[in-house]
Amino acid sequence: MDGYKIITLCGSTRFRDEFIAEQKRLTLEGNIVISVGLFGHSGDDEVWDEGTKEMLDDMHLRKIDLADEIFVVNPGGYIGQSTAREIEYARKNNKPVKYLESP
Protein backbone atom coordinates (compact mmCIF):
# COMPACT_ATOMS: atom_id res chain seq x y z
CA MET A 1 0.00 0.00 0.00
CA ASP A 2 2.47 2.61 -1.22
CA GLY A 3 4.94 2.03 1.60
CA TYR A 4 2.44 1.81 4.45
CA LYS A 5 2.34 -1.38 6.48
CA ILE A 6 -1.16 -2.64 7.32
CA ILE A 7 -1.47 -3.84 10.90
CA THR A 8 -4.55 -5.50 12.39
CA LEU A 9 -4.98 -5.17 16.14
CA CYS A 10 -6.06 -8.28 18.04
CA GLY A 11 -6.81 -8.82 21.71
CA SER A 12 -9.56 -8.83 24.28
CA THR A 13 -12.09 -6.04 23.87
CA ARG A 14 -11.90 -5.48 27.63
CA PHE A 15 -8.77 -3.45 26.83
CA ARG A 16 -10.54 -0.59 25.04
CA ASP A 17 -8.18 2.14 26.26
CA GLU A 18 -5.11 0.11 25.30
CA PHE A 19 -6.54 -0.59 21.84
CA ILE A 20 -7.08 3.13 21.27
CA ALA A 21 -3.59 3.99 22.54
CA GLU A 22 -1.91 1.38 20.30
CA GLN A 23 -3.99 2.40 17.30
CA LYS A 24 -2.85 6.00 17.80
CA ARG A 25 0.81 5.04 18.33
CA LEU A 26 0.97 2.73 15.32
CA THR A 27 -0.82 5.26 13.11
CA LEU A 28 1.62 8.01 14.10
CA GLU A 29 4.46 5.62 13.20
CA GLY A 30 3.08 5.60 9.64
CA ASN A 31 1.03 2.40 9.59
CA ILE A 32 -2.49 1.71 8.37
CA VAL A 33 -4.21 0.26 11.43
CA ILE A 34 -7.27 -1.97 11.35
CA SER A 35 -8.99 -2.44 14.70
CA VAL A 36 -12.12 -3.94 16.16
CA GLY A 37 -15.43 -2.24 15.41
CA LEU A 38 -17.07 -2.91 18.77
CA PHE A 39 -15.82 -3.48 22.29
CA GLY A 40 -18.14 -6.18 23.62
CA HIS A 41 -16.35 -6.56 26.93
CA SER A 42 -16.30 -2.79 27.42
CA GLY A 43 -19.95 -1.94 27.00
CA ASP A 44 -20.89 -2.40 23.34
CA ASP A 45 -23.78 -4.74 24.15
CA GLU A 46 -24.80 -5.14 20.49
CA VAL A 47 -22.02 -7.71 20.23
CA TRP A 48 -24.13 -10.15 22.19
CA ASP A 49 -27.16 -9.94 19.84
CA GLU A 50 -27.94 -13.21 18.08
CA GLY A 51 -25.43 -13.93 15.33
CA THR A 52 -23.47 -10.72 15.80
CA LYS A 53 -20.46 -12.10 17.69
CA GLU A 54 -20.04 -14.87 15.13
CA MET A 55 -20.16 -12.32 12.30
CA LEU A 56 -17.64 -10.06 14.06
CA ASP A 57 -15.29 -12.98 14.75
CA ASP A 58 -15.35 -13.99 11.08
CA MET A 59 -14.95 -10.37 9.99
CA HIS A 60 -11.87 -10.05 12.21
CA LEU A 61 -10.25 -12.99 10.41
CA ARG A 62 -10.87 -11.15 7.13
CA LYS A 63 -9.15 -8.10 8.68
CA ILE A 64 -6.16 -10.35 9.41
CA ASP A 65 -6.24 -11.44 5.74
CA LEU A 66 -5.87 -7.78 4.72
CA ALA A 67 -2.96 -7.16 7.09
CA ASP A 68 0.78 -7.42 6.64
CA GLU A 69 1.05 -8.33 10.34
CA ILE A 70 -0.99 -8.41 13.52
CA PHE A 71 -0.34 -6.64 16.79
CA VAL A 72 -1.71 -8.27 19.92
CA VAL A 73 -2.95 -5.90 22.62
CA ASN A 74 -2.34 -8.04 25.70
CA PRO A 75 -1.79 -6.03 28.90
CA GLY A 76 -0.42 -8.26 31.64
CA GLY A 77 0.24 -10.91 28.98
CA TYR A 78 -3.48 -11.80 28.81
CA ILE A 79 -4.51 -13.78 25.74
CA GLY A 80 -8.04 -15.18 25.71
CA GLN A 81 -9.49 -17.96 23.60
CA SER A 82 -10.60 -15.73 20.69
CA THR A 83 -7.27 -13.94 20.55
CA ALA A 84 -5.38 -17.24 20.63
CA ARG A 85 -7.47 -18.39 17.65
CA GLU A 86 -6.62 -15.17 15.79
CA ILE A 87 -2.90 -15.58 16.51
CA GLU A 88 -3.01 -19.14 15.24
CA TYR A 89 -4.88 -18.02 12.11
CA ALA A 90 -2.33 -15.27 11.44
CA ARG A 91 0.59 -17.68 11.85
CA LYS A 92 -1.03 -20.25 9.54
CA ASN A 93 -1.29 -17.47 6.97
CA ASN A 94 2.35 -16.38 7.39
CA LYS A 95 1.52 -13.07 9.08
CA PRO A 96 4.08 -11.80 11.59
CA VAL A 97 2.72 -11.49 15.13
CA LYS A 98 3.90 -8.76 17.48
CA TYR A 99 2.79 -8.18 21.05
CA LEU A 100 2.30 -5.31 23.46
CA GLU A 101 3.75 -7.63 26.14
CA SER A 102 5.66 -10.84 25.52
CA PRO A 103 3.33 -13.80 26.07
C-alpha atoms as a PDB file:
ATOM      1  CA  MET A   1       0.000   0.000   0.000  1.00  0.00           C
ATOM      2  CA  ASP A   2       2.472   2.608  -1.216  1.00  0.00           C
ATOM      3  CA  GLY A   3       4.942   2.029   1.600  1.00  0.00           C
ATOM      4  CA  TYR A   4       2.445   1.806   4.448  1.00  0.00           C
ATOM      5  CA  LYS A   5       2.340  -1.378   6.483  1.00  0.00           C
ATOM      6  CA  ILE A   6      -1.158  -2.643   7.315  1.00  0.00           C
ATOM      7  CA  ILE A   7      -1.472  -3.835  10.904  1.00  0.00           C
ATOM      8  CA  THR A   8      -4.551  -5.498  12.387  1.00  0.00           C
ATOM      9  CA  LEU A   9      -4.981  -5.170  16.140  1.00  0.00           C
ATOM     10  CA  CYS A  10      -6.056  -8.278  18.041  1.00  0.00           C
ATOM     11  CA  GLY A  11      -6.811  -8.821  21.710  1.00  0.00           C
ATOM     12  CA  SER A  12      -9.560  -8.834  24.283  1.00  0.00           C
ATOM     13  CA  THR A  13     -12.091  -6.044  23.870  1.00  0.00           C
ATOM     14  CA  ARG A  14     -11.895  -5.482  27.626  1.00  0.00           C
ATOM     15  CA  PHE A  15      -8.767  -3.454  26.828  1.00  0.00           C
ATOM     16  CA  ARG A  16     -10.540  -0.594  25.036  1.00  0.00           C
ATOM     17  CA  ASP A  17      -8.180   2.139  26.258  1.00  0.00           C
ATOM     18  CA  GLU A  18      -5.111   0.114  25.302  1.00  0.00           C
ATOM     19  CA  PHE A  19      -6.544  -0.592  21.836  1.00  0.00           C
ATOM     20  CA  ILE A  20      -7.076   3.129  21.266  1.00  0.00           C
ATOM     21  CA  ALA A  21      -3.586   3.994  22.541  1.00  0.00           C
ATOM     22  CA  GLU A  22      -1.911   1.381  20.299  1.00  0.00           C
ATOM     23  CA  GLN A  23      -3.993   2.404  17.300  1.00  0.00           C
ATOM     24  CA  LYS A  24      -2.845   5.997  17.802  1.00  0.00           C
ATOM     25  CA  ARG A  25       0.810   5.042  18.334  1.00  0.00           C
ATOM     26  CA  LEU A  26       0.974   2.731  15.321  1.00  0.00           C
ATOM     27  CA  THR A  27      -0.818   5.260  13.110  1.00  0.00           C
ATOM     28  CA  LEU A  28       1.619   8.011  14.098  1.00  0.00           C
ATOM     29  CA  GLU A  29       4.457   5.624  13.197  1.00  0.00           C
ATOM     30  CA  GLY A  30       3.075   5.596   9.635  1.00  0.00           C
ATOM     31  CA  ASN A  31       1.030   2.397   9.593  1.00  0.00           C
ATOM     32  CA  ILE A  32      -2.488   1.712   8.366  1.00  0.00           C
ATOM     33  CA  VAL A  33      -4.209   0.258  11.426  1.00  0.00           C
ATOM     34  CA  ILE A  34      -7.270  -1.974  11.350  1.00  0.00           C
ATOM     35  CA  SER A  35      -8.987  -2.436  14.696  1.00  0.00           C
ATOM     36  CA  VAL A  36     -12.118  -3.942  16.162  1.00  0.00           C
ATOM     37  CA  GLY A  37     -15.428  -2.244  15.413  1.00  0.00           C
ATOM     38  CA  LEU A  38     -17.071  -2.911  18.765  1.00  0.00           C
ATOM     39  CA  PHE A  39     -15.818  -3.481  22.291  1.00  0.00           C
ATOM     40  CA  GLY A  40     -18.139  -6.178  23.618  1.00  0.00           C
ATOM     41  CA  HIS A  41     -16.345  -6.559  26.934  1.00  0.00           C
ATOM     42  CA  SER A  42     -16.298  -2.792  27.419  1.00  0.00           C
ATOM     43  CA  GLY A  43     -19.953  -1.943  27.004  1.00  0.00           C
ATOM     44  CA  ASP A  44     -20.893  -2.399  23.343  1.00  0.00           C
ATOM     45  CA  ASP A  45     -23.775  -4.741  24.145  1.00  0.00           C
ATOM     46  CA  GLU A  46     -24.803  -5.138  20.488  1.00  0.00           C
ATOM     47  CA  VAL A  47     -22.017  -7.715  20.229  1.00  0.00           C
ATOM     48  CA  TRP A  48     -24.130 -10.152  22.186  1.00  0.00           C
ATOM     49  CA  ASP A  49     -27.160  -9.940  19.843  1.00  0.00           C
ATOM     50  CA  GLU A  50     -27.939 -13.213  18.083  1.00  0.00           C
ATOM     51  CA  GLY A  51     -25.425 -13.932  15.333  1.00  0.00           C
ATOM     52  CA  THR A  52     -23.467 -10.718  15.802  1.00  0.00           C
ATOM     53  CA  LYS A  53     -20.459 -12.095  17.692  1.00  0.00           C
ATOM     54  CA  GLU A  54     -20.041 -14.874  15.127  1.00  0.00           C
ATOM     55  CA  MET A  55     -20.155 -12.322  12.302  1.00  0.00           C
ATOM     56  CA  LEU A  56     -17.636 -10.062  14.056  1.00  0.00           C
ATOM     57  CA  ASP A  57     -15.287 -12.985  14.748  1.00  0.00           C
ATOM     58  CA  ASP A  58     -15.351 -13.985  11.084  1.00  0.00           C
ATOM     59  CA  MET A  59     -14.946 -10.370   9.993  1.00  0.00           C
ATOM     60  CA  HIS A  60     -11.871 -10.053  12.205  1.00  0.00           C
ATOM     61  CA  LEU A  61     -10.250 -12.989  10.411  1.00  0.00           C
ATOM     62  CA  ARG A  62     -10.868 -11.149   7.130  1.00  0.00           C
ATOM     63  CA  LYS A  63      -9.148  -8.099   8.680  1.00  0.00           C
ATOM     64  CA  ILE A  64      -6.162 -10.350   9.409  1.00  0.00           C
ATOM     65  CA  ASP A  65      -6.241 -11.442   5.744  1.00  0.00           C
ATOM     66  CA  LEU A  66      -5.874  -7.785   4.723  1.00  0.00           C
ATOM     67  CA  ALA A  67      -2.958  -7.160   7.088  1.00  0.00           C
ATOM     68  CA  ASP A  68       0.781  -7.417   6.643  1.00  0.00           C
ATOM     69  CA  GLU A  69       1.049  -8.326  10.338  1.00  0.00           C
ATOM     70  CA  ILE A  70      -0.992  -8.414  13.522  1.00  0.00           C
ATOM     71  CA  PHE A  71      -0.337  -6.637  16.785  1.00  0.00           C
ATOM     72  CA  VAL A  72      -1.710  -8.269  19.922  1.00  0.00           C
ATOM     73  CA  VAL A  73      -2.952  -5.897  22.620  1.00  0.00           C
ATOM     74  CA  ASN A  74      -2.344  -8.040  25.696  1.00  0.00           C
ATOM     75  CA  PRO A  75      -1.792  -6.033  28.904  1.00  0.00           C
ATOM     76  CA  GLY A  76      -0.420  -8.256  31.637  1.00  0.00           C
ATOM     77  CA  GLY A  77       0.237 -10.912  28.977  1.00  0.00           C
ATOM     78  CA  TYR A  78      -3.482 -11.803  28.809  1.00  0.00           C
ATOM     79  CA  ILE A  79      -4.508 -13.784  25.736  1.00  0.00           C
ATOM     80  CA  GLY A  80      -8.037 -15.177  25.708  1.00  0.00           C
ATOM     81  CA  GLN A  81      -9.494 -17.956  23.599  1.00  0.00           C
ATOM     82  CA  SER A  82     -10.600 -15.735  20.693  1.00  0.00           C
ATOM     83  CA  THR A  83      -7.273 -13.937  20.554  1.00  0.00           C
ATOM     84  CA  ALA A  84      -5.377 -17.245  20.633  1.00  0.00           C
ATOM     85  CA  ARG A  85      -7.468 -18.389  17.649  1.00  0.00           C
ATOM     86  CA  GLU A  86      -6.621 -15.170  15.788  1.00  0.00           C
ATOM     87  CA  ILE A  87      -2.898 -15.579  16.506  1.00  0.00           C
ATOM     88  CA  GLU A  88      -3.010 -19.142  15.237  1.00  0.00           C
ATOM     89  CA  TYR A  89      -4.878 -18.016  12.107  1.00  0.00           C
ATOM     90  CA  ALA A  90      -2.325 -15.267  11.445  1.00  0.00           C
ATOM     91  CA  ARG A  91       0.592 -17.677  11.847  1.00  0.00           C
ATOM     92  CA  LYS A  92      -1.026 -20.246   9.535  1.00  0.00           C
ATOM     93  CA  ASN A  93      -1.290 -17.469   6.965  1.00  0.00           C
ATOM     94  CA  ASN A  94       2.350 -16.378   7.392  1.00  0.00           C
ATOM     95  CA  LYS A  95       1.517 -13.070   9.080  1.00  0.00           C
ATOM     96  CA  PRO A  96       4.085 -11.801  11.587  1.00  0.00           C
ATOM     97  CA  VAL A  97       2.717 -11.493  15.127  1.00  0.00           C
ATOM     98  CA  LYS A  98       3.897  -8.755  17.476  1.00  0.00           C
ATOM     99  CA  TYR A  99       2.787  -8.181  21.053  1.00  0.00           C
ATOM    100  CA  LEU A 100       2.304  -5.309  23.457  1.00  0.00           C
ATOM    101  CA  GLU A 101       3.751  -7.626  26.139  1.00  0.00           C
ATOM    102  CA  SER A 102       5.662 -10.844  25.515  1.00  0.00           C
ATOM    103  CA  PRO A 103       3.333 -13.804  26.066  1.00  0.00           C
END
